[in-house]
Amino acid sequence: MEKPNRCIGCGITIGRRRRWCLKCNPRCMGCGVAISCQGIRCKRCMHKGRVLPEEHRRKISAALKGHTFSEESRQKMSSAAKGHKHSQNTKRKMSEAHKGHKHGPPSKAHRRKLSDASKATWADPEYRASRSGENHHQWRGGISRHPYPPEFSEDLKHSARERDGFTCLLCGVGENGAVHDVHHINRDKYNNDLPNLISLCRSCHMKAHRSFDYYRIGFEVLAQGRVHASI
């Protein structure tokens, strides 16, 4: 007859694979998580710092490729993360891990790697086709290829820049030798009324097109204010 397994804390009979009962359940010596399984370390600590073989990592990568979480799973993860705060011990470890790490702009070698990776991605015909033309999230019927009307002249652009004080109304930078772009607030290139035009530097102009709905209302208020101020 098999000898019953007893809790080494209180002596009561427990399962064969356990060393502690739930009442005497200890905490992991590594992370402090309460455990009731065999051993004195939880699985997370047992695998901490473990380097998996290259073949094993390749299998994990292949298994996860193309995997997407369901909407229900994403909501559960979001709810679980809400209100979470790192402990002082965790903050100290994160601080020590980042000491000596440069947080400035990426180095020239890093930028070259990013550029090469982006070129390789866009060189794939299937990837390019899935994000071009009608498949692009900002597709508006191909109107970007339509020419601007004659009334969108250099004199009109200069009037808009002069009204805005030759500064970018988003970041406030001056022209400094290079004229700013003149952006159509509602993205209608045939609406060339002065209230629909706003001066933006090249960087902010690209940002405004990427997040059109986010900036449109603020631009309308700014442009209207500038028009009233110039009257």
Protein backbone atom coordinates (compact mmCIF):
# COMPACT_ATOMS: atom_id res chain seq x y z
CA MET A 1 0.00 0.00 0.00
CA GLU A 2 1.35 3.39 -1.01
CA LYS A 3 2.34 5.64 1.87
CA PRO A 4 0.18 8.83 1.96
CA ASN A 5 1.91 12.14 1.28
CA ARG A 6 1.72 14.61 4.16
CA CYS A 7 2.16 18.38 4.31
CA ILE A 8 5.61 19.22 5.66
CA GLY A 9 4.11 22.27 7.35
CA CYS A 10 1.16 20.85 9.33
CA GLY A 11 1.28 17.10 8.65
CA ILE A 12 -2.16 16.59 7.10
CA THR A 13 -2.61 14.18 4.18
CA ILE A 14 -2.28 15.88 0.77
CA GLY A 15 -1.93 14.93 -2.90
CA ARG A 16 1.03 12.90 -4.10
CA ARG A 17 2.69 15.76 -6.01
CA ARG A 18 2.26 18.38 -3.31
CA ARG A 19 4.59 19.21 -0.44
CA TRP A 20 2.42 21.84 1.23
CA CYS A 21 -1.30 22.09 1.97
CA LEU A 22 -3.26 25.15 0.89
CA LYS A 23 -3.23 26.45 4.47
CA CYS A 24 0.56 26.22 4.72
CA ASN A 25 1.00 27.36 1.09
CA PRO A 26 4.39 29.17 0.96
CA ARG A 27 5.47 31.93 -1.32
CA CYS A 28 8.01 31.66 -4.11
CA MET A 29 11.50 32.61 -2.96
CA GLY A 30 12.07 34.37 -6.28
CA CYS A 31 9.03 36.57 -6.84
CA GLY A 32 6.85 36.15 -3.74
CA VAL A 33 3.93 34.58 -5.63
CA ALA A 34 1.93 32.09 -3.53
CA ILE A 35 2.49 28.51 -4.79
CA SER A 36 1.08 25.16 -3.82
CA CYS A 37 2.90 22.88 -6.25
CA GLN A 38 6.06 20.85 -5.67
CA GLY A 39 9.18 22.90 -5.04
CA ILE A 40 9.86 26.31 -3.55
CA ARG A 41 9.92 28.34 -6.80
CA CYS A 42 7.09 29.12 -9.19
CA LYS A 43 7.35 28.26 -12.89
CA ARG A 44 8.00 31.89 -13.79
CA CYS A 45 11.11 32.02 -11.59
CA MET A 46 12.28 28.56 -12.62
CA HIS A 47 12.41 29.69 -16.26
CA LYS A 48 13.79 33.18 -15.54
CA GLY A 49 17.07 33.74 -17.38
CA ARG A 50 16.75 30.46 -19.23
CA VAL A 51 18.01 30.67 -22.83
CA LEU A 52 16.00 28.54 -25.21
CA PRO A 53 17.75 26.73 -28.08
CA GLU A 54 17.56 28.38 -31.50
CA GLU A 55 15.41 25.57 -32.91
CA HIS A 56 12.97 25.92 -30.00
CA ARG A 57 12.71 29.69 -30.53
CA ARG A 58 12.14 29.15 -34.25
CA LYS A 59 9.26 26.75 -33.54
CA ILE A 60 7.65 29.23 -31.13
CA SER A 61 7.99 32.01 -33.71
CA ALA A 62 6.42 29.86 -36.44
CA ALA A 63 3.54 28.87 -34.15
CA LEU A 64 2.77 32.50 -33.25
CA LYS A 65 3.09 33.86 -36.79
CA GLY A 66 -0.21 35.32 -37.94
CA HIS A 67 -1.82 34.80 -34.52
CA THR A 68 -4.24 37.52 -33.48
CA PHE A 69 -6.14 37.89 -30.22
CA SER A 70 -9.92 37.96 -30.32
CA GLU A 71 -11.77 41.11 -29.32
CA GLU A 72 -12.87 39.41 -26.10
CA SER A 73 -9.26 38.49 -25.23
CA ARG A 74 -8.06 42.05 -25.93
CA GLN A 75 -10.76 43.47 -23.69
CA LYS A 76 -9.81 41.07 -20.90
CA MET A 77 -6.12 42.02 -21.18
CA SER A 78 -7.03 45.72 -21.22
CA SER A 79 -9.22 45.36 -18.13
CA ALA A 80 -6.53 43.40 -16.29
CA ALA A 81 -3.91 46.08 -17.03
CA LYS A 82 -6.08 49.03 -15.97
CA GLY A 83 -4.95 50.61 -12.74
CA HIS A 84 -1.87 48.39 -12.52
CA LYS A 85 1.09 50.07 -10.81
CA HIS A 86 4.64 48.81 -10.58
CA SER A 87 6.00 48.21 -7.11
CA GLN A 88 8.94 50.26 -5.82
CA ASN A 89 11.15 47.18 -6.17
CA THR A 90 10.14 46.74 -9.82
CA LYS A 91 10.69 50.44 -10.52
CA ARG A 92 14.16 50.21 -9.01
CA LYS A 93 15.03 47.19 -11.15
CA MET A 94 13.77 48.94 -14.30
CA SER A 95 15.81 52.02 -13.42
CA GLU A 96 18.97 49.97 -12.92
CA ALA A 97 18.39 48.09 -16.17
CA HIS A 98 18.19 51.37 -18.12
CA LYS A 99 21.22 52.99 -16.52
CA GLY A 100 23.86 53.78 -19.11
CA HIS A 101 21.38 53.35 -21.96
CA LYS A 102 21.30 56.29 -24.34
CA HIS A 103 17.80 57.62 -24.98
CA GLY A 104 18.70 60.03 -27.77
CA PRO A 105 17.91 59.68 -31.47
CA PRO A 106 18.91 56.37 -33.11
CA SER A 107 22.46 56.07 -34.38
CA LYS A 108 23.34 56.18 -38.06
CA ALA A 109 23.85 52.40 -38.12
CA HIS A 110 20.46 51.87 -36.45
CA ARG A 111 18.74 54.17 -38.95
CA ARG A 112 20.37 52.26 -41.79
CA LYS A 113 19.05 48.97 -40.39
CA LEU A 114 15.55 50.40 -40.08
CA SER A 115 15.73 51.74 -43.63
CA ASP A 116 16.93 48.42 -45.04
CA ALA A 117 14.22 46.54 -43.17
CA SER A 118 11.54 48.90 -44.48
CA LYS A 119 12.83 48.61 -48.06
CA ALA A 120 12.82 44.83 -47.83
CA THR A 121 9.24 44.86 -46.53
CA TRP A 122 7.94 47.16 -49.27
CA ALA A 123 9.83 45.19 -51.94
CA ASP A 124 7.35 42.35 -51.41
CA PRO A 125 4.70 42.79 -54.19
CA GLU A 126 1.96 41.25 -52.05
CA TYR A 127 2.68 43.59 -49.13
CA ARG A 128 2.83 46.64 -51.41
CA ALA A 129 -0.45 45.73 -53.11
CA SER A 130 -2.21 45.24 -49.77
CA ARG A 131 -1.36 48.82 -48.73
CA SER A 132 -1.58 50.73 -52.00
CA GLY A 133 -4.39 52.29 -54.00
CA GLU A 134 -7.87 51.31 -52.86
CA ASN A 135 -6.41 49.10 -50.11
CA HIS A 136 -4.80 52.08 -48.35
CA HIS A 137 -6.64 53.29 -45.24
CA GLN A 138 -6.59 56.90 -46.51
CA TRP A 139 -7.83 56.13 -50.03
CA ARG A 140 -10.21 58.86 -51.22
CA GLY A 141 -10.94 57.83 -54.79
CA GLY A 142 -7.59 58.90 -56.27
CA ILE A 143 -8.22 62.65 -55.97
CA SER A 144 -4.57 63.26 -55.04
CA ARG A 145 -3.74 62.81 -58.72
CA HIS A 146 -6.12 65.59 -59.73
CA PRO A 147 -4.40 68.93 -60.45
CA TYR A 148 -4.92 71.97 -58.23
CA PRO A 149 -7.20 74.67 -59.69
CA PRO A 150 -5.66 77.91 -61.04
CA GLU A 151 -6.96 79.99 -58.09
CA PHE A 152 -4.62 78.07 -55.75
CA SER A 153 -1.84 80.42 -56.82
CA GLU A 154 1.42 81.50 -55.22
CA ASP A 155 -0.18 84.85 -54.32
CA LEU A 156 -2.95 83.04 -52.42
CA LYS A 157 -0.42 80.85 -50.61
CA HIS A 158 1.62 83.92 -49.69
CA SER A 159 -1.52 85.60 -48.29
CA ALA A 160 -2.17 82.54 -46.09
CA ARG A 161 1.44 82.47 -44.86
CA GLU A 162 1.41 86.21 -44.20
CA ARG A 163 -1.84 85.93 -42.25
CA ASP A 164 -0.26 83.17 -40.12
CA GLY A 165 2.86 85.22 -39.46
CA PHE A 166 5.04 82.92 -41.60
CA THR A 167 4.93 80.31 -38.84
CA CYS A 168 3.63 76.77 -38.63
CA LEU A 169 0.36 76.92 -36.71
CA LEU A 170 0.88 73.44 -35.28
CA CYS A 171 4.41 73.54 -33.88
CA GLY A 172 5.11 77.29 -34.09
CA VAL A 173 8.38 77.04 -36.05
CA GLY A 174 9.26 79.88 -38.43
CA GLU A 175 10.06 79.47 -42.10
CA ASN A 176 13.81 80.04 -41.64
CA GLY A 177 14.63 80.22 -45.36
CA ALA A 178 12.20 77.52 -46.55
CA VAL A 179 8.56 78.47 -47.18
CA HIS A 180 5.90 76.49 -45.32
CA ASP A 181 3.25 74.37 -47.01
CA VAL A 182 -0.32 75.64 -47.28
CA HIS A 183 -2.75 72.97 -46.14
CA HIS A 184 -6.44 72.65 -47.06
CA ILE A 185 -8.18 72.13 -43.72
CA ASN A 186 -11.03 70.04 -45.17
CA ARG A 187 -8.69 68.39 -47.73
CA ASP A 188 -10.80 69.79 -50.58
CA LYS A 189 -8.27 71.24 -53.01
CA TYR A 190 -11.08 73.07 -54.85
CA ASN A 191 -12.09 75.02 -51.73
CA ASN A 192 -9.48 77.77 -51.75
CA ASP A 193 -11.19 80.25 -49.45
CA LEU A 194 -8.70 81.78 -47.02
CA PRO A 195 -10.41 80.30 -43.89
CA ASN A 196 -9.85 76.84 -45.40
CA LEU A 197 -6.09 77.39 -45.74
CA ILE A 198 -3.49 77.09 -43.00
CA SER A 199 0.32 77.30 -42.90
CA LEU A 200 2.18 74.18 -41.81
CA CYS A 201 5.80 73.08 -41.92
CA ARG A 202 6.54 69.98 -44.00
CA SER A 203 6.65 67.65 -40.99
CA CYS A 204 3.36 68.91 -39.51
CA HIS A 205 1.73 68.86 -42.96
CA MET A 206 2.43 65.13 -43.22
CA LYS A 207 1.17 64.64 -39.67
CA ALA A 208 -2.06 66.50 -40.48
CA HIS A 209 -2.75 64.19 -43.43
CA ARG A 210 -2.06 61.06 -41.38
CA SER A 211 -4.46 62.17 -38.60
CA PHE A 212 -6.91 64.32 -40.55
CA ASP A 213 -9.95 63.98 -38.26
CA TYR A 214 -7.84 64.65 -35.16
CA TYR A 215 -6.52 68.04 -36.34
CA ARG A 216 -9.34 69.34 -38.55
CA ILE A 217 -11.52 71.02 -35.90
CA GLY A 218 -8.57 72.71 -34.19
CA PHE A 219 -7.27 74.00 -37.52
CA GLU A 220 -10.69 75.47 -38.36
CA VAL A 221 -10.80 77.38 -35.08
CA LEU A 222 -7.23 78.67 -35.53
CA ALA A 223 -7.78 79.76 -39.12
CA GLN A 224 -11.04 81.56 -38.29
CA GLY A 225 -9.33 83.41 -35.48
CA ARG A 226 -6.51 84.51 -37.76
CA VAL A 227 -9.00 85.77 -40.37
CA HIS A 228 -10.89 87.87 -37.81
CA ALA A 229 -7.63 89.25 -36.43
CA SER A 230 -6.54 90.42 -39.88
CA ILE A 231 -9.81 92.27 -40.58
